[in-house]
Amino acid sequence: MNVSTFMDFIKARWQMIAVLIAVICIIILVLLFVAGLLLLPAKMTFSGGAITYYANNSTG
């Protein structure tokens, strides 16, 4: 595949490629957020109907 053919391919499908890149970025951000919630030591408590999230820094 030469450069001209490749550029024509990109020009014809740039919208689909842009959407795919955006979706991949969103999926990566969601996975990082979920991994942070599951893997980091933390506590979630209810305080006045609101969920308070804080890191567990206890050494005991």
N, C-alpha and C. Protein backbone atom coordinates (compact mmCIF):
# COMPACT_ATOMS: atom_id res chain seq x y z
N MET A 1 0.85 -1.18 0.00
CA MET A 1 0.00 0.00 0.00
C MET A 1 0.89 1.25 0.00
N ASN A 2 0.78 2.05 -1.01
CA ASN A 2 1.61 3.25 -1.07
C ASN A 2 0.95 4.39 -0.29
N VAL A 3 1.66 5.51 -0.18
CA VAL A 3 1.21 6.63 0.64
C VAL A 3 -0.08 7.23 0.08
N SER A 4 -0.19 7.34 -1.20
CA SER A 4 -1.39 7.91 -1.82
C SER A 4 -2.63 7.09 -1.50
N THR A 5 -2.53 5.79 -1.60
CA THR A 5 -3.66 4.92 -1.28
C THR A 5 -4.02 5.02 0.19
N PHE A 6 -3.01 5.08 1.03
CA PHE A 6 -3.25 5.20 2.47
C PHE A 6 -3.95 6.52 2.80
N MET A 7 -3.51 7.62 2.19
CA MET A 7 -4.13 8.92 2.44
C MET A 7 -5.58 8.94 1.95
N ASP A 8 -5.85 8.31 0.82
CA ASP A 8 -7.23 8.22 0.32
C ASP A 8 -8.10 7.42 1.30
N PHE A 9 -7.55 6.37 1.86
CA PHE A 9 -8.27 5.56 2.85
C PHE A 9 -8.62 6.40 4.07
N ILE A 10 -7.63 7.18 4.57
CA ILE A 10 -7.86 8.03 5.75
C ILE A 10 -8.89 9.11 5.43
N LYS A 11 -8.78 9.75 4.30
CA LYS A 11 -9.72 10.81 3.93
C LYS A 11 -11.14 10.28 3.80
N ALA A 12 -11.30 9.09 3.31
CA ALA A 12 -12.63 8.52 3.12
C ALA A 12 -13.27 8.09 4.43
N ARG A 13 -12.46 7.78 5.43
CA ARG A 13 -12.99 7.22 6.67
C ARG A 13 -12.57 8.00 7.91
N TRP A 14 -12.26 9.30 7.77
CA TRP A 14 -11.73 10.04 8.90
C TRP A 14 -12.74 10.20 10.02
N GLN A 15 -14.03 10.29 9.70
CA GLN A 15 -15.04 10.43 10.75
C GLN A 15 -15.14 9.16 11.59
N MET A 16 -15.14 8.01 10.94
CA MET A 16 -15.20 6.76 11.66
C MET A 16 -13.95 6.56 12.51
N ILE A 17 -12.80 6.94 11.99
CA ILE A 17 -11.56 6.82 12.73
C ILE A 17 -11.57 7.75 13.95
N ALA A 18 -12.07 8.98 13.79
CA ALA A 18 -12.14 9.92 14.90
C ALA A 18 -13.08 9.41 16.00
N VAL A 19 -14.23 8.87 15.62
CA VAL A 19 -15.16 8.32 16.60
C VAL A 19 -14.53 7.13 17.32
N LEU A 20 -13.85 6.28 16.59
CA LEU A 20 -13.20 5.12 17.19
C LEU A 20 -12.15 5.54 18.21
N ILE A 21 -11.35 6.55 17.87
CA ILE A 21 -10.33 7.05 18.79
C ILE A 21 -10.99 7.63 20.04
N ALA A 22 -12.07 8.39 19.87
CA ALA A 22 -12.77 8.97 21.02
C ALA A 22 -13.35 7.88 21.92
N VAL A 23 -13.95 6.86 21.33
CA VAL A 23 -14.52 5.77 22.12
C VAL A 23 -13.43 5.02 22.87
N ILE A 24 -12.31 4.78 22.24
CA ILE A 24 -11.20 4.09 22.91
C ILE A 24 -10.69 4.91 24.09
N CYS A 25 -10.58 6.23 23.91
CA CYS A 25 -10.13 7.09 25.02
C CYS A 25 -11.12 7.05 26.18
N ILE A 26 -12.41 7.09 25.88
CA ILE A 26 -13.42 7.03 26.94
C ILE A 26 -13.36 5.70 27.67
N ILE A 27 -13.20 4.60 26.93
CA ILE A 27 -13.11 3.28 27.55
C ILE A 27 -11.89 3.21 28.47
N ILE A 28 -10.76 3.74 28.03
CA ILE A 28 -9.54 3.72 28.85
C ILE A 28 -9.76 4.53 30.13
N LEU A 29 -10.38 5.71 30.02
CA LEU A 29 -10.64 6.53 31.21
C LEU A 29 -11.58 5.81 32.18
N VAL A 30 -12.61 5.16 31.67
CA VAL A 30 -13.54 4.43 32.54
C VAL A 30 -12.83 3.27 33.22
N LEU A 31 -12.00 2.54 32.49
CA LEU A 31 -11.26 1.43 33.08
C LEU A 31 -10.30 1.91 34.16
N LEU A 32 -9.63 3.03 33.92
CA LEU A 32 -8.74 3.58 34.93
C LEU A 32 -9.51 4.01 36.17
N PHE A 33 -10.68 4.61 35.99
CA PHE A 33 -11.50 5.03 37.12
C PHE A 33 -11.96 3.82 37.93
N VAL A 34 -12.44 2.79 37.25
CA VAL A 34 -12.90 1.58 37.94
C VAL A 34 -11.74 0.89 38.64
N ALA A 35 -10.59 0.83 38.00
CA ALA A 35 -9.42 0.22 38.62
C ALA A 35 -9.01 1.01 39.86
N GLY A 36 -9.10 2.33 39.79
CA GLY A 36 -8.77 3.15 40.95
C GLY A 36 -9.72 2.90 42.09
N LEU A 37 -11.00 2.72 41.80
CA LEU A 37 -11.97 2.44 42.86
C LEU A 37 -11.75 1.06 43.48
N LEU A 38 -11.39 0.09 42.65
CA LEU A 38 -11.27 -1.28 43.15
C LEU A 38 -9.91 -1.58 43.78
N LEU A 39 -8.86 -0.98 43.26
CA LEU A 39 -7.52 -1.38 43.69
C LEU A 39 -6.94 -0.51 44.80
N LEU A 40 -7.35 0.76 44.86
CA LEU A 40 -6.80 1.62 45.90
C LEU A 40 -7.52 1.38 47.21
N PRO A 41 -6.78 1.34 48.32
CA PRO A 41 -7.44 1.19 49.62
C PRO A 41 -8.22 2.46 49.96
N ALA A 42 -9.52 2.34 50.10
CA ALA A 42 -10.35 3.52 50.35
C ALA A 42 -11.61 3.10 51.07
N LYS A 43 -12.27 4.08 51.63
CA LYS A 43 -13.55 3.86 52.29
C LYS A 43 -14.59 4.76 51.67
N MET A 44 -15.81 4.25 51.61
CA MET A 44 -16.93 5.07 51.17
C MET A 44 -17.93 5.10 52.31
N THR A 45 -18.33 6.29 52.74
CA THR A 45 -19.29 6.41 53.82
C THR A 45 -20.42 7.31 53.39
N PHE A 46 -21.57 7.13 54.03
CA PHE A 46 -22.71 8.00 53.78
C PHE A 46 -22.71 9.10 54.83
N SER A 47 -22.82 10.33 54.39
CA SER A 47 -22.83 11.46 55.29
C SER A 47 -23.89 12.44 54.81
N GLY A 48 -25.02 12.46 55.49
CA GLY A 48 -26.08 13.38 55.12
C GLY A 48 -26.66 13.09 53.75
N GLY A 49 -26.68 11.85 53.35
CA GLY A 49 -27.24 11.48 52.07
C GLY A 49 -26.25 11.57 50.92
N ALA A 50 -25.06 12.12 51.19
CA ALA A 50 -24.05 12.23 50.14
C ALA A 50 -22.97 11.19 50.40
N ILE A 51 -22.43 10.65 49.34
CA ILE A 51 -21.35 9.66 49.48
C ILE A 51 -20.03 10.41 49.58
N THR A 52 -19.31 10.14 50.65
CA THR A 52 -17.99 10.76 50.84
C THR A 52 -16.94 9.71 50.56
N TYR A 53 -16.00 10.04 49.72
CA TYR A 53 -14.94 9.11 49.31
C TYR A 53 -13.62 9.67 49.77
N TYR A 54 -12.88 8.89 50.55
CA TYR A 54 -11.58 9.36 51.01
C TYR A 54 -10.63 8.20 51.10
N ALA A 55 -9.34 8.51 50.99
CA ALA A 55 -8.31 7.49 51.03
C ALA A 55 -8.11 7.01 52.45
N ASN A 56 -7.83 5.75 52.59
CA ASN A 56 -7.56 5.16 53.91
C ASN A 56 -6.07 5.26 54.18
N ASN A 57 -5.69 6.24 55.00
CA ASN A 57 -4.27 6.47 55.29
C ASN A 57 -3.85 5.91 56.63
N SER A 58 -4.65 5.06 57.22
CA SER A 58 -4.32 4.52 58.54
C SER A 58 -3.15 3.55 58.41
N THR A 59 -2.31 3.56 59.42
CA THR A 59 -1.14 2.67 59.42
C THR A 59 -1.35 1.47 60.31
N GLY A 60 -2.48 1.41 60.99
CA GLY A 60 -2.73 0.32 61.93
C GLY A 60 -3.27 -0.86 61.24
